[in-house]
Amino acid sequence: METLQEKIIDTTPRFRGEIVRKVYRVWLVRKLLPVLVLEIGIISFALYWLGRAIFVQSVISNAMTVFFNRPAGSISFLAGAFGHATFLTKLLGMGVIVLLALFLRHITQGLLRLILVKENYFSRVQK
């Protein structure tokens, strides 16, 4: 018959791993959530002003027309549309692209960290 002390020793690593995973999930949410909320707010603000600066539906309609009539001309259309845009529109467009890239980077890093913790990757590396 096993003693109480032996049972605690046998279950400690599994229990400790579960606690570490839960603590890491909470830490990850607390670390990423404020950054993601701030980025979503900034992206929304930039998209709002970009939408006020250009008529997005017209640009998309023209881009689809060019793409379906002459797919090779799509790049020249986008370059021409960007080249003839006002400075504010160029600035807002580039800002939105950079912010979306940062947003996707944060999401993928958070998911990767969560997957690695779920798979118990870090405990295997330390040994």
Protein backbone atom coordinates (compact mmCIF):
# COMPACT_ATOMS: atom_id res chain seq x y z
CA MET A 1 0.00 0.00 0.00
CA GLU A 2 1.39 3.38 -1.00
CA THR A 3 1.75 6.15 1.49
CA LEU A 4 0.33 9.62 1.01
CA GLN A 5 3.80 11.04 0.43
CA GLU A 6 4.49 8.65 -2.46
CA LYS A 7 1.22 9.60 -4.16
CA ILE A 8 2.07 13.30 -3.95
CA ILE A 9 5.51 12.70 -5.47
CA ASP A 10 4.02 10.61 -8.30
CA THR A 11 1.46 13.27 -9.33
CA THR A 12 3.57 16.39 -8.73
CA PRO A 13 5.13 16.79 -12.22
CA ARG A 14 1.79 16.43 -14.00
CA PHE A 15 0.06 18.76 -11.58
CA ARG A 16 2.90 21.28 -11.82
CA GLY A 17 2.70 21.20 -15.62
CA GLU A 18 -1.02 21.89 -15.54
CA ILE A 19 -0.51 24.84 -13.21
CA VAL A 20 2.32 26.22 -15.35
CA ARG A 21 0.12 26.01 -18.47
CA LYS A 22 -2.76 27.80 -16.75
CA VAL A 23 -0.49 30.50 -15.37
CA TYR A 24 1.12 30.99 -18.78
CA ARG A 25 -2.29 31.30 -20.47
CA VAL A 26 -3.31 34.01 -17.99
CA TRP A 27 0.03 35.78 -18.46
CA LEU A 28 -0.31 35.59 -22.25
CA VAL A 29 -3.81 37.06 -22.23
CA ARG A 30 -2.79 39.84 -19.83
CA LYS A 31 0.25 40.67 -21.94
CA LEU A 32 -1.32 40.50 -25.39
CA LEU A 33 -4.87 41.71 -24.78
CA PRO A 34 -4.05 45.40 -24.06
CA VAL A 35 -1.70 45.56 -27.05
CA LEU A 36 -4.27 43.95 -29.36
CA VAL A 37 -7.06 46.23 -28.15
CA LEU A 38 -4.86 49.28 -28.71
CA GLU A 39 -3.86 48.07 -32.18
CA ILE A 40 -7.48 47.34 -33.11
CA GLY A 41 -8.43 50.85 -32.00
CA ILE A 42 -5.64 52.47 -34.01
CA ILE A 43 -6.40 50.34 -37.08
CA SER A 44 -10.10 51.25 -36.83
CA PHE A 45 -9.26 54.94 -36.54
CA ALA A 46 -6.89 54.77 -39.53
CA LEU A 47 -9.40 52.81 -41.63
CA TYR A 48 -12.13 55.34 -40.78
CA TRP A 49 -10.01 58.24 -41.99
CA LEU A 50 -8.82 56.28 -45.01
CA GLY A 51 -12.45 55.59 -45.89
CA ARG A 52 -13.22 59.31 -45.61
CA ALA A 53 -10.21 60.21 -47.77
CA ILE A 54 -10.97 57.83 -50.66
CA PHE A 55 -14.05 56.18 -52.09
CA VAL A 56 -13.07 52.59 -51.39
CA GLN A 57 -15.95 51.01 -53.30
CA SER A 58 -14.90 52.81 -56.49
CA VAL A 59 -11.26 51.79 -56.10
CA ILE A 60 -12.19 48.14 -55.52
CA SER A 61 -14.62 48.18 -58.45
CA ASN A 62 -11.98 49.63 -60.77
CA ALA A 63 -9.35 47.17 -59.50
CA MET A 64 -11.69 44.20 -60.14
CA THR A 65 -12.49 45.47 -63.63
CA VAL A 66 -8.79 45.75 -64.46
CA PHE A 67 -8.05 42.35 -62.87
CA PHE A 68 -10.77 40.49 -64.81
CA ASN A 69 -10.09 42.24 -68.14
CA ARG A 70 -6.29 42.31 -68.01
CA PRO A 71 -4.77 40.47 -64.99
CA ALA A 72 -1.23 41.52 -65.89
CA GLY A 73 -2.27 45.18 -65.63
CA SER A 74 -3.32 44.88 -62.00
CA ILE A 75 0.13 45.83 -60.69
CA SER A 76 0.36 48.88 -62.91
CA PHE A 77 -3.19 49.89 -61.89
CA LEU A 78 -2.36 49.65 -58.19
CA ALA A 79 0.94 51.52 -58.68
CA GLY A 80 -0.84 54.24 -60.66
CA ALA A 81 -3.66 54.54 -58.14
CA PHE A 82 -1.17 54.80 -55.29
CA GLY A 83 1.02 57.24 -57.25
CA HIS A 84 -1.86 59.61 -58.01
CA ALA A 85 -3.26 59.56 -54.47
CA THR A 86 -2.85 62.50 -52.12
CA PHE A 87 -0.11 62.45 -49.50
CA LEU A 88 -2.61 61.90 -46.67
CA THR A 89 -4.11 58.89 -48.47
CA LYS A 90 -0.66 57.40 -49.08
CA LEU A 91 0.28 57.93 -45.45
CA LEU A 92 -2.94 56.41 -44.15
CA GLY A 93 -2.73 53.46 -46.55
CA MET A 94 0.83 52.63 -45.55
CA GLY A 95 -0.07 53.07 -41.88
CA VAL A 96 -2.95 50.62 -42.18
CA ILE A 97 -0.73 48.06 -43.90
CA VAL A 98 1.97 48.36 -41.22
CA LEU A 99 -0.59 48.14 -38.40
CA LEU A 100 -2.25 45.09 -39.94
CA ALA A 101 1.15 43.41 -40.24
CA LEU A 102 1.91 44.13 -36.57
CA PHE A 103 -1.53 42.89 -35.56
CA LEU A 104 -1.04 39.61 -37.45
CA ARG A 105 2.43 39.25 -35.92
CA HIS A 106 1.04 39.58 -32.39
CA ILE A 107 -1.74 37.09 -33.08
CA THR A 108 0.60 34.48 -34.60
CA GLN A 109 3.19 34.88 -31.82
CA GLY A 110 0.52 34.47 -29.17
CA LEU A 111 -0.93 31.39 -30.84
CA LEU A 112 2.53 29.88 -31.30
CA ARG A 113 3.38 30.42 -27.64
CA LEU A 114 0.06 28.94 -26.57
CA ILE A 115 0.60 25.87 -28.78
CA LEU A 116 4.14 25.39 -27.45
CA VAL A 117 2.91 25.55 -23.87
CA LYS A 118 0.06 23.17 -24.66
CA GLU A 119 2.50 20.69 -26.17
CA ASN A 120 4.79 21.09 -23.13
CA TYR A 121 7.63 22.08 -25.46
CA PHE A 122 9.57 24.23 -22.98
CA SER A 123 9.98 21.50 -20.37
CA ARG A 124 11.49 19.16 -22.98
CA VAL A 125 13.99 21.81 -24.11
CA GLN A 126 15.32 22.49 -20.61
CA LYS A 127 16.25 18.84 -19.96
